[in-house]
Amino acid sequence: MTYTSFVNALSAITVAGVKRQYTAPPSQLSSADLPALHPQLPEHTQDVISISSNTGLFTAACELAIVIKANQQGTAAANFAECLTMLDALNSALIDNTSALSIDRW
């Protein structure tokens, strides 16, 4: 799996409540497109497991950002509740796509 294919596959999952999905961070967002999902740059590890230069499994990680709405003062409790709802939806989407994405933790 390449970084590009990993990020594209992760960006394409369906998350309940997300109106717009991007395959890269957008230069700007319209409130009409929120909540919007986009990936951050991925990172990986691949440890050497023996002196003979064998390597272990390629492990990649990518943060998904979900912009819910513009920041407003005095709405902390409502924003907190919306974030929890979106986290539940993201978790469900990741569970539904575990095999397709070849992921084993998040």
N, C-alpha and C. Protein backbone atom coordinates (compact mmCIF):
# COMPACT_ATOMS: atom_id res chain seq x y z
N MET A 1 0.85 -1.18 0.00
CA MET A 1 0.00 0.00 0.00
C MET A 1 0.89 1.24 0.00
N THR A 2 0.55 2.20 -0.81
CA THR A 2 1.30 3.45 -0.86
C THR A 2 0.64 4.48 0.06
N TYR A 3 1.37 5.54 0.37
CA TYR A 3 0.76 6.63 1.14
C TYR A 3 -0.47 7.16 0.42
N THR A 4 -0.34 7.38 -0.89
CA THR A 4 -1.44 7.94 -1.66
C THR A 4 -2.67 7.06 -1.60
N SER A 5 -2.52 5.76 -1.80
CA SER A 5 -3.68 4.87 -1.77
C SER A 5 -4.27 4.78 -0.37
N PHE A 6 -3.43 4.80 0.65
CA PHE A 6 -3.90 4.74 2.03
C PHE A 6 -4.73 5.99 2.36
N VAL A 7 -4.19 7.17 2.06
CA VAL A 7 -4.88 8.43 2.36
C VAL A 7 -6.16 8.55 1.54
N ASN A 8 -6.11 8.18 0.26
CA ASN A 8 -7.31 8.25 -0.57
C ASN A 8 -8.40 7.32 -0.07
N ALA A 9 -8.04 6.11 0.32
CA ALA A 9 -9.03 5.16 0.84
C ALA A 9 -9.61 5.64 2.16
N LEU A 10 -8.77 6.17 3.03
CA LEU A 10 -9.24 6.67 4.32
C LEU A 10 -10.14 7.88 4.14
N SER A 11 -9.81 8.74 3.20
CA SER A 11 -10.60 9.95 2.93
C SER A 11 -11.96 9.62 2.32
N ALA A 12 -12.09 8.46 1.73
CA ALA A 12 -13.32 8.10 1.02
C ALA A 12 -14.35 7.38 1.90
N ILE A 13 -14.01 7.06 3.15
CA ILE A 13 -15.00 6.37 3.98
C ILE A 13 -16.18 7.29 4.26
N THR A 14 -17.32 6.69 4.42
CA THR A 14 -18.54 7.45 4.69
C THR A 14 -18.70 7.60 6.19
N VAL A 15 -18.72 8.84 6.65
CA VAL A 15 -18.92 9.15 8.06
C VAL A 15 -20.26 9.87 8.18
N ALA A 16 -21.17 9.29 8.94
CA ALA A 16 -22.50 9.89 9.11
C ALA A 16 -22.37 11.33 9.59
N GLY A 17 -23.09 12.22 8.93
CA GLY A 17 -23.10 13.62 9.33
C GLY A 17 -22.11 14.50 8.59
N VAL A 18 -21.11 13.91 7.92
CA VAL A 18 -20.13 14.70 7.17
C VAL A 18 -20.73 15.07 5.82
N LYS A 19 -20.72 16.38 5.50
CA LYS A 19 -21.29 16.86 4.24
C LYS A 19 -20.28 16.85 3.10
N ARG A 20 -19.01 17.11 3.40
CA ARG A 20 -18.01 17.23 2.34
C ARG A 20 -16.73 16.54 2.77
N GLN A 21 -16.15 15.79 1.86
CA GLN A 21 -14.90 15.07 2.12
C GLN A 21 -13.83 15.54 1.15
N TYR A 22 -12.64 15.71 1.65
CA TYR A 22 -11.50 16.15 0.85
C TYR A 22 -10.40 15.10 0.94
N THR A 23 -9.59 14.99 -0.10
CA THR A 23 -8.45 14.05 -0.07
C THR A 23 -7.17 14.76 0.36
N ALA A 24 -7.26 16.05 0.66
CA ALA A 24 -6.15 16.85 1.16
C ALA A 24 -6.74 18.00 1.96
N PRO A 25 -5.95 18.63 2.83
CA PRO A 25 -6.49 19.78 3.57
C PRO A 25 -6.94 20.89 2.60
N PRO A 26 -8.16 21.37 2.75
CA PRO A 26 -8.64 22.43 1.85
C PRO A 26 -8.01 23.77 2.19
N SER A 27 -7.89 24.64 1.19
CA SER A 27 -7.33 25.97 1.45
C SER A 27 -8.31 26.85 2.20
N GLN A 28 -9.60 26.58 2.05
CA GLN A 28 -10.63 27.28 2.81
C GLN A 28 -11.88 26.42 2.88
N LEU A 29 -12.72 26.72 3.84
CA LEU A 29 -13.97 25.98 4.01
C LEU A 29 -15.13 26.94 4.07
N SER A 30 -16.23 26.55 3.47
CA SER A 30 -17.47 27.31 3.55
C SER A 30 -18.33 26.68 4.63
N SER A 31 -19.03 27.49 5.38
CA SER A 31 -19.90 26.94 6.42
C SER A 31 -20.98 26.03 5.83
N ALA A 32 -21.31 26.23 4.55
CA ALA A 32 -22.30 25.37 3.89
C ALA A 32 -21.78 23.95 3.70
N ASP A 33 -20.45 23.77 3.71
CA ASP A 33 -19.85 22.45 3.51
C ASP A 33 -19.56 21.72 4.81
N LEU A 34 -19.87 22.33 5.95
CA LEU A 34 -19.53 21.73 7.24
C LEU A 34 -20.65 20.85 7.76
N PRO A 35 -20.30 19.78 8.42
CA PRO A 35 -18.98 19.26 8.77
C PRO A 35 -18.23 18.72 7.53
N ALA A 36 -16.94 18.94 7.53
CA ALA A 36 -16.07 18.51 6.43
C ALA A 36 -14.92 17.68 6.98
N LEU A 37 -14.55 16.64 6.25
CA LEU A 37 -13.48 15.73 6.65
C LEU A 37 -12.30 15.89 5.71
N HIS A 38 -11.08 15.90 6.26
CA HIS A 38 -9.88 15.87 5.42
C HIS A 38 -8.74 15.20 6.18
N PRO A 39 -7.82 14.56 5.45
CA PRO A 39 -6.69 13.91 6.09
C PRO A 39 -5.55 14.90 6.35
N GLN A 40 -4.71 14.57 7.31
CA GLN A 40 -3.44 15.26 7.51
C GLN A 40 -2.37 14.38 6.85
N LEU A 41 -1.14 14.83 6.82
CA LEU A 41 -0.08 14.01 6.23
C LEU A 41 0.10 12.72 7.05
N PRO A 42 0.22 11.59 6.38
CA PRO A 42 0.41 10.33 7.10
C PRO A 42 1.85 10.19 7.60
N GLU A 43 2.03 9.27 8.50
CA GLU A 43 3.37 8.91 8.97
C GLU A 43 3.45 7.40 9.04
N HIS A 44 4.66 6.88 9.11
CA HIS A 44 4.79 5.42 9.16
C HIS A 44 6.02 5.01 9.95
N THR A 45 6.02 3.74 10.31
CA THR A 45 7.20 3.10 10.89
C THR A 45 7.38 1.76 10.21
N GLN A 46 8.60 1.36 10.07
CA GLN A 46 8.92 0.04 9.55
C GLN A 46 10.26 -0.35 10.15
N ASP A 47 10.20 -1.04 11.26
CA ASP A 47 11.40 -1.38 12.00
C ASP A 47 12.18 -2.51 11.34
N VAL A 48 13.49 -2.44 11.50
CA VAL A 48 14.34 -3.56 11.09
C VAL A 48 14.24 -4.61 12.19
N ILE A 49 13.96 -5.86 11.81
CA ILE A 49 13.73 -6.89 12.81
C ILE A 49 14.89 -7.86 12.95
N SER A 50 15.88 -7.76 12.05
CA SER A 50 17.06 -8.62 12.21
C SER A 50 18.27 -7.95 11.58
N ILE A 51 19.42 -8.42 11.93
CA ILE A 51 20.66 -7.85 11.41
C ILE A 51 20.79 -8.09 9.90
N SER A 52 20.10 -9.06 9.39
CA SER A 52 20.19 -9.36 7.96
C SER A 52 19.28 -8.44 7.12
N SER A 53 18.89 -7.33 7.70
CA SER A 53 18.11 -6.28 7.02
C SER A 53 16.67 -6.64 6.70
N ASN A 54 16.14 -7.64 7.36
CA ASN A 54 14.71 -7.90 7.19
C ASN A 54 13.92 -6.82 7.92
N THR A 55 12.81 -6.44 7.36
CA THR A 55 12.00 -5.42 8.01
C THR A 55 10.68 -5.99 8.48
N GLY A 56 10.13 -5.34 9.47
CA GLY A 56 8.84 -5.74 10.00
C GLY A 56 7.72 -5.20 9.14
N LEU A 57 6.53 -5.28 9.67
CA LEU A 57 5.37 -4.80 8.93
C LEU A 57 5.39 -3.29 8.80
N PHE A 58 4.96 -2.82 7.66
CA PHE A 58 4.81 -1.39 7.42
C PHE A 58 3.60 -0.92 8.22
N THR A 59 3.78 0.05 9.09
CA THR A 59 2.71 0.58 9.91
C THR A 59 2.51 2.04 9.56
N ALA A 60 1.33 2.39 9.08
CA ALA A 60 1.03 3.77 8.69
C ALA A 60 -0.07 4.33 9.58
N ALA A 61 0.00 5.62 9.81
CA ALA A 61 -1.02 6.32 10.58
C ALA A 61 -1.36 7.62 9.87
N CYS A 62 -2.63 7.99 9.94
CA CYS A 62 -3.06 9.25 9.31
C CYS A 62 -4.17 9.84 10.17
N GLU A 63 -4.02 11.09 10.51
CA GLU A 63 -5.03 11.78 11.29
C GLU A 63 -6.11 12.31 10.36
N LEU A 64 -7.36 12.04 10.71
CA LEU A 64 -8.49 12.60 9.97
C LEU A 64 -9.03 13.79 10.76
N ALA A 65 -9.11 14.93 10.12
CA ALA A 65 -9.68 16.13 10.75
C ALA A 65 -11.12 16.28 10.28
N ILE A 66 -12.01 16.53 11.21
CA ILE A 66 -13.39 16.83 10.87
C ILE A 66 -13.71 18.21 11.44
N VAL A 67 -13.90 19.15 10.53
CA VAL A 67 -14.27 20.51 10.93
C VAL A 67 -15.79 20.54 11.04
N ILE A 68 -16.28 20.81 12.22
CA ILE A 68 -17.72 20.72 12.46
C ILE A 68 -18.43 22.03 12.17
N LYS A 69 -17.93 23.12 12.73
CA LYS A 69 -18.54 24.42 12.47
C LYS A 69 -17.59 25.51 12.91
N ALA A 70 -17.91 26.73 12.52
CA ALA A 70 -17.10 27.88 12.92
C ALA A 70 -17.16 28.03 14.43
N ASN A 71 -16.07 28.48 15.00
CA ASN A 71 -15.96 28.66 16.44
C ASN A 71 -16.85 29.81 16.91
N GLN A 72 -17.62 29.54 17.94
CA GLN A 72 -18.47 30.56 18.54
C GLN A 72 -18.28 30.53 20.04
N GLN A 73 -18.29 31.68 20.65
CA GLN A 73 -18.15 31.74 22.10
C GLN A 73 -19.48 31.40 22.76
N GLY A 74 -19.37 30.82 23.96
CA GLY A 74 -20.57 30.52 24.73
C GLY A 74 -21.31 29.27 24.31
N THR A 75 -20.70 28.46 23.45
CA THR A 75 -21.39 27.25 22.99
C THR A 75 -20.57 25.99 23.30
N ALA A 76 -19.77 26.03 24.35
CA ALA A 76 -18.87 24.91 24.67
C ALA A 76 -19.63 23.59 24.86
N ALA A 77 -20.71 23.60 25.60
CA ALA A 77 -21.45 22.35 25.86
C ALA A 77 -22.03 21.77 24.57
N ALA A 78 -22.61 22.63 23.74
CA ALA A 78 -23.18 22.16 22.47
C ALA A 78 -22.08 21.66 21.54
N ASN A 79 -20.94 22.38 21.47
CA ASN A 79 -19.83 21.95 20.63
C ASN A 79 -19.28 20.61 21.11
N PHE A 80 -19.17 20.44 22.43
CA PHE A 80 -18.68 19.19 23.00
C PHE A 80 -19.59 18.03 22.59
N ALA A 81 -20.90 18.23 22.70
CA ALA A 81 -21.86 17.19 22.32
C ALA A 81 -21.76 16.86 20.84
N GLU A 82 -21.62 17.87 19.98
CA GLU A 82 -21.48 17.62 18.54
C GLU A 82 -20.20 16.87 18.23
N CYS A 83 -19.13 17.20 18.93
CA CYS A 83 -17.86 16.48 18.72
C CYS A 83 -17.98 15.01 19.11
N LEU A 84 -18.64 14.74 20.23
CA LEU A 84 -18.83 13.35 20.65
C LEU A 84 -19.67 12.58 19.64
N THR A 85 -20.71 13.20 19.12
CA THR A 85 -21.54 12.56 18.09
C THR A 85 -20.71 12.25 16.85
N MET A 86 -19.87 13.21 16.43
CA MET A 86 -19.05 12.99 15.24
C MET A 86 -17.99 11.92 15.50
N LEU A 87 -17.42 11.87 16.71
CA LEU A 87 -16.45 10.82 17.04
C LEU A 87 -17.11 9.44 16.99
N ASP A 88 -18.35 9.34 17.48
CA ASP A 88 -19.08 8.07 17.39
C ASP A 88 -19.30 7.67 15.93
N ALA A 89 -19.65 8.64 15.09
CA ALA A 89 -19.87 8.36 13.67
C ALA A 89 -18.57 7.94 12.98
N LEU A 90 -17.47 8.61 13.31
CA LEU A 90 -16.17 8.24 12.73
C LEU A 90 -15.76 6.85 13.18
N ASN A 91 -15.95 6.54 14.45
CA ASN A 91 -15.61 5.21 14.95
C ASN A 91 -16.42 4.13 14.23
N SER A 92 -17.71 4.37 14.02
CA SER A 92 -18.55 3.41 13.29
C SER A 92 -18.06 3.23 11.86
N ALA A 93 -17.69 4.34 11.21
CA ALA A 93 -17.19 4.26 9.83
C ALA A 93 -15.88 3.47 9.76
N LEU A 94 -15.01 3.67 10.73
CA LEU A 94 -13.75 2.92 10.73
C LEU A 94 -14.00 1.43 10.97
N ILE A 95 -14.91 1.11 11.86
CA ILE A 95 -15.24 -0.30 12.10
C ILE A 95 -15.80 -0.93 10.82
N ASP A 96 -16.69 -0.22 10.14
CA ASP A 96 -17.29 -0.73 8.90
C ASP A 96 -16.27 -0.92 7.78
N ASN A 97 -15.16 -0.19 7.82
CA ASN A 97 -14.17 -0.21 6.73
C ASN A 97 -12.83 -0.83 7.13
N THR A 98 -12.78 -1.52 8.24
CA THR A 98 -11.53 -2.09 8.73
C THR A 98 -10.85 -2.97 7.69
N SER A 99 -11.57 -3.88 7.10
CA SER A 99 -10.97 -4.78 6.10
C SER A 99 -10.55 -4.05 4.84
N ALA A 100 -11.41 -3.18 4.34
CA ALA A 100 -11.10 -2.46 3.11
C ALA A 100 -9.88 -1.57 3.26
N LEU A 101 -9.69 -1.00 4.44
CA LEU A 101 -8.55 -0.11 4.68
C LEU A 101 -7.32 -0.83 5.20
N SER A 102 -7.44 -2.11 5.52
CA SER A 102 -6.34 -2.89 6.11
C SER A 102 -5.81 -2.23 7.37
N ILE A 103 -6.75 -1.80 8.24
CA ILE A 103 -6.35 -1.17 9.49
C ILE A 103 -6.67 -2.11 10.66
N ASP A 104 -5.89 -1.99 11.72
CA ASP A 104 -6.13 -2.84 12.88
C ASP A 104 -6.21 -2.06 14.19
N ARG A 105 -6.05 -0.73 14.13
CA ARG A 105 -6.22 0.09 15.34
C ARG A 105 -6.44 1.54 14.94
N TRP A 106 -7.10 2.25 15.83
CA TRP A 106 -7.31 3.69 15.63
C TRP A 106 -7.55 4.32 16.96
